Amino acid sequence: AANGVSVVHCPRSHAYFRHLKFPRQELEKAGVNVCLGTDSLASNESLSLFAEMRAFQGSEPDVSPDKILEMVTVNPGLALDQSGHGRKLGRIRAGFQADLIAVPCSGGGNLFEQIVAFDGPVDWMLFDGKQKRIGGLI
């Protein structure tokens, strides 16, 4: 961890290959930056990060939805920043690069829970500062 190690966990591939329980707590205690990602279509029916978040939540119910969302946004941004490229990624802040998507949420309940539970097409995104309408292709 002192060397800036990051680990990307792909919960659905992990389950597909019937690996032992992912040692998330041990990695986090050691200071490792734990990210969520998606693997190939060889072990998944889609490349949806939302499906990965839901699968992770199912196997790690003690992890809060806001922490799960950090594992697909903030933590990968930190992993990429450690690559030496000097990019500021993974957060919506002045001076950071942000690619954004719009996810429909209701006014009530936990916003982070709604985002993690989202299971539908993403119709709008902002990529490199330019709006893209993608018609549900993500």
C-alpha atoms as a PDB file:
ATOM      1  CA  ALA A   1       0.000   0.000   0.000  1.00  0.00           C
ATOM      2  CA  ALA A   2       2.920   2.366   0.619  1.00  0.00           C
ATOM      3  CA  ASN A   3       3.635   2.137  -3.121  1.00  0.00           C
ATOM      4  CA  GLY A   4       0.133   3.279  -4.094  1.00  0.00           C
ATOM      5  CA  VAL A   5      -1.258  -0.147  -4.910  1.00  0.00           C
ATOM      6  CA  SER A   6      -4.789  -0.374  -6.249  1.00  0.00           C
ATOM      7  CA  VAL A   7      -6.868  -3.509  -6.756  1.00  0.00           C
ATOM      8  CA  VAL A   8      -9.842  -3.715  -9.094  1.00  0.00           C
ATOM      9  CA  HIS A   9     -12.469  -6.232  -8.014  1.00  0.00           C
ATOM     10  CA  CYS A  10     -14.947  -7.529 -10.592  1.00  0.00           C
ATOM     11  CA  PRO A  11     -17.668  -9.153  -8.454  1.00  0.00           C
ATOM     12  CA  ARG A  12     -19.576 -10.930 -11.230  1.00  0.00           C
ATOM     13  CA  SER A  13     -16.447 -12.504 -12.745  1.00  0.00           C
ATOM     14  CA  HIS A  14     -15.301 -13.364  -9.220  1.00  0.00           C
ATOM     15  CA  ALA A  15     -18.570 -15.232  -8.675  1.00  0.00           C
ATOM     16  CA  TYR A  16     -18.525 -16.814 -12.147  1.00  0.00           C
ATOM     17  CA  PHE A  17     -15.129 -18.391 -11.487  1.00  0.00           C
ATOM     18  CA  ARG A  18     -16.187 -19.332  -7.937  1.00  0.00           C
ATOM     19  CA  HIS A  19     -13.201 -17.683  -6.294  1.00  0.00           C
ATOM     20  CA  LEU A  20     -12.910 -17.565  -2.520  1.00  0.00           C
ATOM     21  CA  LYS A  21     -14.427 -14.560  -0.761  1.00  0.00           C
ATOM     22  CA  PHE A  22     -12.803 -11.324  -1.916  1.00  0.00           C
ATOM     23  CA  PRO A  23     -10.562 -10.051   0.935  1.00  0.00           C
ATOM     24  CA  ARG A  24     -11.866  -6.464   0.822  1.00  0.00           C
ATOM     25  CA  GLN A  25     -11.527  -5.757   4.539  1.00  0.00           C
ATOM     26  CA  GLU A  26      -7.968  -7.059   4.701  1.00  0.00           C
ATOM     27  CA  LEU A  27      -6.953  -5.041   1.643  1.00  0.00           C
ATOM     28  CA  GLU A  28      -8.549  -1.848   2.991  1.00  0.00           C
ATOM     29  CA  LYS A  29      -6.912  -2.342   6.399  1.00  0.00           C
ATOM     30  CA  ALA A  30      -3.569  -2.647   4.610  1.00  0.00           C
ATOM     31  CA  GLY A  31      -4.226   0.684   2.885  1.00  0.00           C
ATOM     32  CA  VAL A  32      -4.855  -0.734  -0.585  1.00  0.00           C
ATOM     33  CA  ASN A  33      -7.124   1.354  -2.816  1.00  0.00           C
ATOM     34  CA  VAL A  34      -9.997  -1.024  -3.669  1.00  0.00           C
ATOM     35  CA  CYS A  35     -11.950  -0.287  -6.850  1.00  0.00           C
ATOM     36  CA  LEU A  36     -14.857  -2.000  -8.572  1.00  0.00           C
ATOM     37  CA  GLY A  37     -14.711  -2.765 -12.265  1.00  0.00           C
ATOM     38  CA  THR A  38     -16.123  -5.013 -14.889  1.00  0.00           C
ATOM     39  CA  ASP A  39     -14.345  -7.801 -16.699  1.00  0.00           C
ATOM     40  CA  SER A  40     -14.958  -9.308 -20.107  1.00  0.00           C
ATOM     41  CA  LEU A  41     -18.102 -10.670 -21.706  1.00  0.00           C
ATOM     42  CA  ALA A  42     -16.606 -14.141 -21.329  1.00  0.00           C
ATOM     43  CA  SER A  43     -17.730 -14.185 -17.685  1.00  0.00           C
ATOM     44  CA  ASN A  44     -20.590 -11.633 -17.766  1.00  0.00           C
ATOM     45  CA  GLU A  45     -23.699 -10.930 -19.790  1.00  0.00           C
ATOM     46  CA  SER A  46     -22.856  -7.202 -19.883  1.00  0.00           C
ATOM     47  CA  LEU A  47     -20.143  -4.703 -19.015  1.00  0.00           C
ATOM     48  CA  SER A  48     -22.425  -2.702 -16.702  1.00  0.00           C
ATOM     49  CA  LEU A  49     -20.781  -1.096 -13.687  1.00  0.00           C
ATOM     50  CA  PHE A  50     -24.265  -0.801 -12.195  1.00  0.00           C
ATOM     51  CA  ALA A  51     -24.580  -4.607 -12.336  1.00  0.00           C
ATOM     52  CA  GLU A  52     -21.155  -4.883 -10.695  1.00  0.00           C
ATOM     53  CA  MET A  53     -22.226  -2.508  -7.909  1.00  0.00           C
ATOM     54  CA  ARG A  54     -25.398  -4.524  -7.303  1.00  0.00           C
ATOM     55  CA  ALA A  55     -23.443  -7.804  -7.280  1.00  0.00           C
ATOM     56  CA  PHE A  56     -20.927  -6.340  -4.839  1.00  0.00           C
ATOM     57  CA  GLN A  57     -23.726  -5.070  -2.607  1.00  0.00           C
ATOM     58  CA  GLY A  58     -25.236  -8.563  -2.599  1.00  0.00           C
ATOM     59  CA  SER A  59     -21.966 -10.132  -1.467  1.00  0.00           C
ATOM     60  CA  GLU A  60     -20.954  -7.270   0.875  1.00  0.00           C
ATOM     61  CA  PRO A  61     -24.204  -5.999   2.464  1.00  0.00           C
ATOM     62  CA  ASP A  62     -22.270  -4.197   5.226  1.00  0.00           C
ATOM     63  CA  VAL A  63     -20.751  -1.736   2.712  1.00  0.00           C
ATOM     64  CA  SER A  64     -22.820   1.439   2.376  1.00  0.00           C
ATOM     65  CA  PRO A  65     -24.137   2.513  -1.042  1.00  0.00           C
ATOM     66  CA  ASP A  66     -22.098   5.742  -0.901  1.00  0.00           C
ATOM     67  CA  LYS A  67     -18.913   3.688  -0.308  1.00  0.00           C
ATOM     68  CA  ILE A  68     -19.845   1.417  -3.233  1.00  0.00           C
ATOM     69  CA  LEU A  69     -20.265   4.449  -5.491  1.00  0.00           C
ATOM     70  CA  GLU A  70     -16.828   5.702  -4.372  1.00  0.00           C
ATOM     71  CA  MET A  71     -15.411   2.351  -5.460  1.00  0.00           C
ATOM     72  CA  VAL A  72     -16.435   3.055  -9.092  1.00  0.00           C
ATOM     73  CA  THR A  73     -15.674   6.796  -9.134  1.00  0.00           C
ATOM     74  CA  VAL A  74     -13.263   8.233  -6.561  1.00  0.00           C
ATOM     75  CA  ASN A  75     -11.103   5.133  -6.048  1.00  0.00           C
ATOM     76  CA  PRO A  76     -10.446   4.468  -9.763  1.00  0.00           C
ATOM     77  CA  GLY A  77      -9.660   8.172 -10.154  1.00  0.00           C
ATOM     78  CA  LEU A  78      -7.038   7.813  -7.435  1.00  0.00           C
ATOM     79  CA  ALA A  79      -5.641   4.703  -9.121  1.00  0.00           C
ATOM     80  CA  LEU A  80      -5.282   6.523 -12.433  1.00  0.00           C
ATOM     81  CA  ASP A  81      -3.815   9.629 -10.794  1.00  0.00           C
ATOM     82  CA  GLN A  82      -1.107   7.435  -9.246  1.00  0.00           C
ATOM     83  CA  SER A  83      -0.044   6.448 -12.753  1.00  0.00           C
ATOM     84  CA  GLY A  84       1.965   9.657 -12.952  1.00  0.00           C
ATOM     85  CA  HIS A  85      -0.192  11.388 -15.532  1.00  0.00           C
ATOM     86  CA  GLY A  86      -1.159  14.153 -13.086  1.00  0.00           C
ATOM     87  CA  ARG A  87      -4.858  13.913 -13.940  1.00  0.00           C
ATOM     88  CA  LYS A  88      -7.471  14.818 -11.388  1.00  0.00           C
ATOM     89  CA  LEU A  89     -10.231  12.258 -11.819  1.00  0.00           C
ATOM     90  CA  GLY A  90     -13.115  10.673  -9.955  1.00  0.00           C
ATOM     91  CA  ARG A  91     -14.690  13.732  -8.327  1.00  0.00           C
ATOM     92  CA  ILE A  92     -16.888  16.642  -9.288  1.00  0.00           C
ATOM     93  CA  ARG A  93     -14.713  19.556  -8.202  1.00  0.00           C
ATOM     94  CA  ALA A  94     -13.068  22.627  -9.670  1.00  0.00           C
ATOM     95  CA  GLY A  95      -9.910  21.632 -11.513  1.00  0.00           C
ATOM     96  CA  PHE A  96     -10.973  17.986 -11.952  1.00  0.00           C
ATOM     97  CA  GLN A  97     -11.830  16.327 -15.243  1.00  0.00           C
ATOM     98  CA  ALA A  98     -15.365  14.972 -15.114  1.00  0.00           C
ATOM     99  CA  ASP A  99     -17.296  12.710 -17.415  1.00  0.00           C
ATOM    100  CA  LEU A 100     -20.851  12.502 -16.108  1.00  0.00           C
ATOM    101  CA  ILE A 101     -24.000  10.481 -16.710  1.00  0.00           C
ATOM    102  CA  ALA A 102     -27.591  11.232 -15.733  1.00  0.00           C
ATOM    103  CA  VAL A 103     -29.401   8.592 -13.685  1.00  0.00           C
ATOM    104  CA  PRO A 104     -33.091   9.097 -12.873  1.00  0.00           C
ATOM    105  CA  CYS A 105     -33.767   9.146  -9.123  1.00  0.00           C
ATOM    106  CA  SER A 106     -36.883   9.841  -7.086  1.00  0.00           C
ATOM    107  CA  GLY A 107     -37.018  12.634  -4.530  1.00  0.00           C
ATOM    108  CA  GLY A 108     -37.295  10.300  -1.557  1.00  0.00           C
ATOM    109  CA  GLY A 109     -35.043   7.717  -0.009  1.00  0.00           C
ATOM    110  CA  ASN A 110     -31.299   7.307  -0.096  1.00  0.00           C
ATOM    111  CA  LEU A 111     -29.866   8.833  -3.281  1.00  0.00           C
ATOM    112  CA  PHE A 112     -26.786   6.582  -3.219  1.00  0.00           C
ATOM    113  CA  GLU A 113     -28.969   3.485  -2.817  1.00  0.00           C
ATOM    114  CA  GLN A 114     -31.011   4.577  -5.850  1.00  0.00           C
ATOM    115  CA  ILE A 115     -27.869   5.005  -7.949  1.00  0.00           C
ATOM    116  CA  VAL A 116     -26.465   1.602  -6.964  1.00  0.00           C
ATOM    117  CA  ALA A 117     -29.862  -0.023  -7.655  1.00  0.00           C
ATOM    118  CA  PHE A 118     -30.245   1.645 -11.075  1.00  0.00           C
ATOM    119  CA  ASP A 119     -30.928  -0.911 -13.802  1.00  0.00           C
ATOM    120  CA  GLY A 120     -31.767   0.785 -17.048  1.00  0.00           C
ATOM    121  CA  PRO A 121     -30.317   2.514 -20.055  1.00  0.00           C
ATOM    122  CA  VAL A 122     -28.289   5.679 -19.597  1.00  0.00           C
ATOM    123  CA  ASP A 123     -29.570   8.210 -22.120  1.00  0.00           C
ATOM    124  CA  TRP A 124     -27.357  11.216 -21.397  1.00  0.00           C
ATOM    125  CA  MET A 125     -23.732  11.818 -20.618  1.00  0.00           C
ATOM    126  CA  LEU A 126     -21.195  14.602 -20.551  1.00  0.00           C
ATOM    127  CA  PHE A 127     -17.868  13.470 -21.968  1.00  0.00           C
ATOM    128  CA  ASP A 128     -14.869  15.755 -22.162  1.00  0.00           C
ATOM    129  CA  GLY A 129     -17.155  18.721 -21.546  1.00  0.00           C
ATOM    130  CA  LYS A 130     -19.516  17.840 -24.395  1.00  0.00           C
ATOM    131  CA  GLN A 131     -23.069  16.587 -23.986  1.00  0.00           C
ATOM    132  CA  LYS A 132     -23.821  13.242 -25.615  1.00  0.00           C
ATOM    133  CA  ARG A 133     -27.224  11.662 -26.068  1.00  0.00           C
ATOM    134  CA  ILE A 134     -26.606   7.985 -26.482  1.00  0.00           C
ATOM    135  CA  GLY A 135     -30.080   6.473 -26.576  1.00  0.00           C
ATOM    136  CA  GLY A 136     -29.471   3.830 -23.925  1.00  0.00           C
ATOM    137  CA  LEU A 137     -26.284   2.412 -25.396  1.00  0.00           C
ATOM    138  CA  ILE A 138     -24.357   2.299 -22.112  1.00  0.00           C
END
